[in-house]
Amino acid sequence: MGSARYTQTADKLVLALLAAAALLQCAAGVEFTFDLGDNAEDCFYEEIKRNTSAYFEFQVSAGGQLDVDVHLKDPQGKVIYKLERATFDSHQFVAETTGVYTACFGNQFSAFSHKIVYVDFQVGDEPALPGVDEHATVLTQMETSSQAIHKGLNDILDAQTHHRLREAQGRKRAEDLNQRVMVWSSLETAAVVLIGITQIMVLRNFFTDRKPSQAHYGRL
């Protein structure tokens, strides 16, 4: 009985370690957010071997009209992917040659607003789970569960990332709308005060001008 409990505990520990390893593998991906200045262009480089699959994704989370120019070049400088004034998109391709691939983001059309851009650049297949996908025999129930947990964690991380991006976009739009409402309210308040002061001055001058005439008629 004690041996069985020890085995179950050890199995649970192994499963937890596998899940932790999956998280570490996901965290090792090329995934980042950067600030693209106004009237600027930033490029990033990734070395890819021939016949290796790659996944490229971007999304503008804040700034201006949420748009950037994007192009992806192979080692020979040939453009294999290009978009203009885009907010988000993804592109999957297989490298035809070995070398350094270049992904550039341009904001030259915007002279005042900078952009916050999220980039996900994954190269190659995801590493196999240690001790699970390394053999060709039939998977046990625990190994199958480990694979399911691994896939579920990846889906959760991806969903959380895109949820944070949508939340950032919504917050930025709400802040911009609030700023516009404040500016418009301030202008309306200033206009009302100016009109009120103008009316008071006009009425005051009107009655001030009538006093000498009334005094002259009084003497007559």
Protein backbone atom coordinates (compact mmCIF):
# COMPACT_ATOMS: atom_id res chain seq x y z
CA MET A 1 0.00 0.00 0.00
CA GLY A 2 2.82 2.40 0.92
CA SER A 3 4.65 1.56 -2.30
CA ALA A 4 1.54 2.29 -4.36
CA ARG A 5 1.05 5.67 -2.70
CA TYR A 6 4.72 6.48 -3.29
CA THR A 7 4.36 5.56 -6.96
CA GLN A 8 1.28 7.79 -7.34
CA THR A 9 3.10 10.67 -5.65
CA ALA A 10 6.11 10.19 -7.90
CA ASP A 11 3.89 10.10 -10.97
CA LYS A 12 2.22 13.35 -9.96
CA LEU A 13 5.64 14.93 -9.41
CA VAL A 14 6.83 13.82 -12.84
CA LEU A 15 3.66 15.23 -14.39
CA ALA A 16 4.19 18.55 -12.64
CA LEU A 17 7.81 18.68 -13.83
CA LEU A 18 6.68 18.00 -17.38
CA ALA A 19 4.17 20.84 -17.17
CA ALA A 20 6.88 23.15 -15.83
CA ALA A 21 9.19 22.12 -18.65
CA ALA A 22 6.44 22.94 -21.13
CA LEU A 23 6.10 26.42 -19.65
CA LEU A 24 9.85 26.98 -19.87
CA GLN A 25 9.85 25.91 -23.48
CA CYS A 26 7.01 28.29 -24.30
CA ALA A 27 8.81 31.14 -22.53
CA ALA A 28 11.92 30.57 -24.69
CA GLY A 29 10.12 31.70 -27.84
CA VAL A 30 10.98 34.92 -29.68
CA GLU A 31 8.10 37.02 -28.40
CA PHE A 32 8.39 40.68 -27.43
CA THR A 33 6.81 44.14 -27.51
CA PHE A 34 8.67 47.26 -28.62
CA ASP A 35 8.11 50.99 -29.07
CA LEU A 36 8.24 52.16 -32.70
CA GLY A 37 9.01 55.86 -32.83
CA ASP A 38 7.30 58.36 -35.09
CA ASN A 39 8.81 58.66 -38.58
CA ALA A 40 11.06 55.66 -37.83
CA GLU A 41 11.76 52.11 -38.94
CA ASP A 42 12.99 49.21 -36.79
CA CYS A 43 14.26 45.87 -38.09
CA PHE A 44 14.82 42.54 -36.35
CA TYR A 45 16.88 39.60 -37.53
CA GLU A 46 16.46 35.85 -37.15
CA GLU A 47 18.71 33.12 -38.51
CA ILE A 48 16.73 30.29 -40.09
CA LYS A 49 18.00 27.10 -41.67
CA ARG A 50 16.78 25.82 -45.00
CA ASN A 51 13.50 23.86 -45.06
CA THR A 52 12.67 25.07 -41.55
CA SER A 53 9.15 26.30 -40.93
CA ALA A 54 8.66 29.69 -39.28
CA TYR A 55 5.67 31.59 -37.93
CA PHE A 56 5.56 35.39 -37.89
CA GLU A 57 2.83 37.41 -36.18
CA PHE A 58 2.46 41.06 -35.21
CA GLN A 59 -0.16 43.36 -33.72
CA VAL A 60 -0.18 47.10 -33.02
CA SER A 61 -1.57 47.55 -29.54
CA ALA A 62 -1.35 51.34 -29.15
CA GLY A 63 -0.51 54.53 -30.98
CA GLY A 64 -2.11 56.62 -33.72
CA GLN A 65 -4.47 54.69 -35.98
CA LEU A 66 -2.95 51.35 -34.88
CA ASP A 67 -1.19 50.79 -38.20
CA VAL A 68 2.37 50.10 -39.39
CA ASP A 69 4.16 49.05 -42.58
CA VAL A 70 5.63 45.54 -42.40
CA HIS A 71 7.90 43.59 -44.71
CA LEU A 72 9.86 40.36 -44.33
CA LYS A 73 13.01 39.67 -46.38
CA ASP A 74 15.05 36.55 -47.02
CA PRO A 75 18.89 36.46 -46.81
CA GLN A 76 19.16 37.65 -50.45
CA GLY A 77 17.01 40.70 -49.72
CA LYS A 78 13.94 39.40 -51.54
CA VAL A 79 10.65 40.51 -50.01
CA ILE A 80 8.61 37.42 -49.11
CA TYR A 81 5.89 39.20 -47.14
CA LYS A 82 4.69 42.81 -47.16
CA LEU A 83 1.80 44.83 -45.76
CA GLU A 84 1.11 48.56 -45.59
CA ARG A 85 -0.83 50.41 -42.89
CA ALA A 86 -1.76 47.11 -41.19
CA THR A 87 -2.92 46.58 -37.60
CA PHE A 88 -2.34 42.86 -37.18
CA ASP A 89 -1.62 39.78 -39.26
CA SER A 90 0.27 36.48 -39.26
CA HIS A 91 2.39 34.72 -41.86
CA GLN A 92 3.75 31.17 -41.93
CA PHE A 93 6.48 30.13 -44.34
CA VAL A 94 9.24 27.61 -44.97
CA ALA A 95 12.76 28.95 -45.40
CA GLU A 96 14.08 28.26 -48.90
CA THR A 97 17.67 29.17 -48.03
CA THR A 98 19.79 29.23 -44.90
CA GLY A 99 20.63 32.66 -43.56
CA VAL A 100 19.43 35.70 -41.67
CA TYR A 101 15.84 36.77 -42.32
CA THR A 102 14.86 40.38 -41.67
CA ALA A 103 11.53 41.66 -40.35
CA CYS A 104 11.10 45.46 -40.55
CA PHE A 105 8.38 47.69 -39.15
CA GLY A 106 7.96 51.18 -40.59
CA ASN A 107 6.19 54.23 -39.18
CA GLN A 108 7.48 56.82 -41.65
CA PHE A 109 3.98 57.98 -42.56
CA SER A 110 3.32 59.15 -38.98
CA ALA A 111 5.11 62.34 -37.93
CA PHE A 112 3.65 62.68 -34.44
CA SER A 113 2.50 59.35 -32.95
CA HIS A 114 4.65 56.40 -31.94
CA LYS A 115 3.36 52.82 -31.95
CA ILE A 116 3.52 49.91 -29.51
CA VAL A 117 3.98 46.71 -31.54
CA TYR A 118 3.77 43.10 -30.37
CA VAL A 119 5.84 40.55 -32.33
CA ASP A 120 5.84 36.75 -32.19
CA PHE A 121 8.52 35.07 -34.33
CA GLN A 122 8.68 31.29 -33.89
CA VAL A 123 11.23 29.24 -35.82
CA GLY A 124 11.07 25.46 -36.18
CA ASP A 125 8.82 22.95 -34.51
CA GLU A 126 8.17 23.06 -30.81
CA PRO A 127 10.61 20.89 -28.78
CA ALA A 128 9.26 17.54 -27.71
CA LEU A 129 8.26 16.91 -24.13
CA PRO A 130 11.14 15.18 -22.32
CA GLY A 131 10.44 11.49 -21.87
CA VAL A 132 7.10 11.62 -23.73
CA ASP A 133 7.66 12.28 -27.42
CA GLU A 134 11.13 10.73 -27.54
CA HIS A 135 10.06 7.14 -28.16
CA ALA A 136 8.00 5.45 -30.83
CA THR A 137 6.04 3.08 -28.61
CA VAL A 138 2.42 3.49 -27.65
CA LEU A 139 1.91 6.33 -25.17
CA THR A 140 0.71 5.53 -21.71
CA GLN A 141 -2.26 7.24 -20.13
CA MET A 142 0.02 9.58 -18.18
CA GLU A 143 1.99 10.52 -21.29
CA THR A 144 -1.22 11.21 -23.17
CA SER A 145 -2.41 13.37 -20.29
CA SER A 146 0.93 15.20 -20.29
CA GLN A 147 0.56 15.98 -23.97
CA ALA A 148 -3.00 17.23 -23.41
CA ILE A 149 -1.85 19.43 -20.52
CA HIS A 150 1.04 20.75 -22.60
CA LYS A 151 -1.28 21.68 -25.47
CA GLY A 152 -3.79 23.21 -23.07
CA LEU A 153 -1.08 25.38 -21.45
CA ASN A 154 0.08 26.60 -24.85
CA ASP A 155 -3.48 27.48 -25.81
CA ILE A 156 -3.98 29.31 -22.50
CA LEU A 157 -0.77 31.31 -22.91
CA ASP A 158 -1.71 32.27 -26.47
CA ALA A 159 -5.22 33.28 -25.41
CA GLN A 160 -3.87 35.35 -22.49
CA THR A 161 -1.40 37.14 -24.77
CA HIS A 162 -4.07 38.14 -27.28
CA HIS A 163 -6.46 39.07 -24.47
CA ARG A 164 -3.84 41.43 -23.02
CA LEU A 165 -3.32 42.98 -26.45
CA ARG A 166 -7.04 43.56 -26.94
CA GLU A 167 -7.26 44.96 -23.42
CA ALA A 168 -4.40 47.37 -24.15
CA GLN A 169 -6.11 48.51 -27.34
CA GLY A 170 -9.41 49.07 -25.52
CA ARG A 171 -7.71 50.96 -22.72
CA LYS A 172 -5.83 53.18 -25.18
CA ARG A 173 -9.02 53.98 -27.07
CA ALA A 174 -10.84 54.75 -23.83
CA GLU A 175 -8.03 57.07 -22.72
CA ASP A 176 -8.02 58.86 -26.08
CA LEU A 177 -11.81 59.25 -25.96
CA ASN A 178 -11.63 60.56 -22.40
CA GLN A 179 -8.97 63.08 -23.41
CA ARG A 180 -11.05 64.29 -26.35
CA VAL A 181 -14.14 64.64 -24.15
CA MET A 182 -12.13 66.62 -21.60
CA VAL A 183 -10.74 68.94 -24.27
CA TRP A 184 -14.19 69.47 -25.81
CA SER A 185 -15.76 70.08 -22.38
CA SER A 186 -13.01 72.58 -21.52
CA LEU A 187 -13.62 74.45 -24.78
CA GLU A 188 -17.37 74.52 -24.16
CA THR A 189 -16.82 75.78 -20.61
CA ALA A 190 -14.45 78.49 -21.84
CA ALA A 191 -16.95 79.50 -24.54
CA VAL A 192 -19.80 79.75 -22.01
CA VAL A 193 -17.68 81.85 -19.64
CA LEU A 194 -16.52 84.11 -22.49
CA ILE A 195 -20.09 84.62 -23.73
CA GLY A 196 -21.24 85.40 -20.19
CA ILE A 197 -18.48 87.96 -19.67
CA THR A 198 -19.23 89.54 -23.06
CA GLN A 199 -22.93 89.84 -22.23
CA ILE A 200 -22.16 91.46 -18.88
CA MET A 201 -19.80 93.98 -20.49
CA VAL A 202 -22.33 94.82 -23.22
CA LEU A 203 -25.13 95.35 -20.70
CA ARG A 204 -22.88 97.39 -18.46
CA ASN A 205 -21.82 99.66 -21.32
CA PHE A 206 -25.45 100.01 -22.40
CA PHE A 207 -26.59 101.30 -19.01
CA THR A 208 -23.45 103.38 -18.58
CA ASP A 209 -24.12 105.21 -21.85
CA ARG A 210 -27.73 106.03 -20.88
CA LYS A 211 -26.86 107.76 -17.58
CA PRO A 212 -25.64 111.10 -19.07
CA SER A 213 -28.75 111.36 -21.27
CA GLN A 214 -31.01 110.77 -18.29
CA ALA A 215 -29.13 113.41 -16.28
CA HIS A 216 -29.46 115.95 -19.11
CA TYR A 217 -33.21 115.39 -19.41
CA GLY A 218 -33.51 115.76 -15.65
CA ARG A 219 -31.98 119.27 -15.72
CA LEU A 220 -34.40 120.32 -18.44
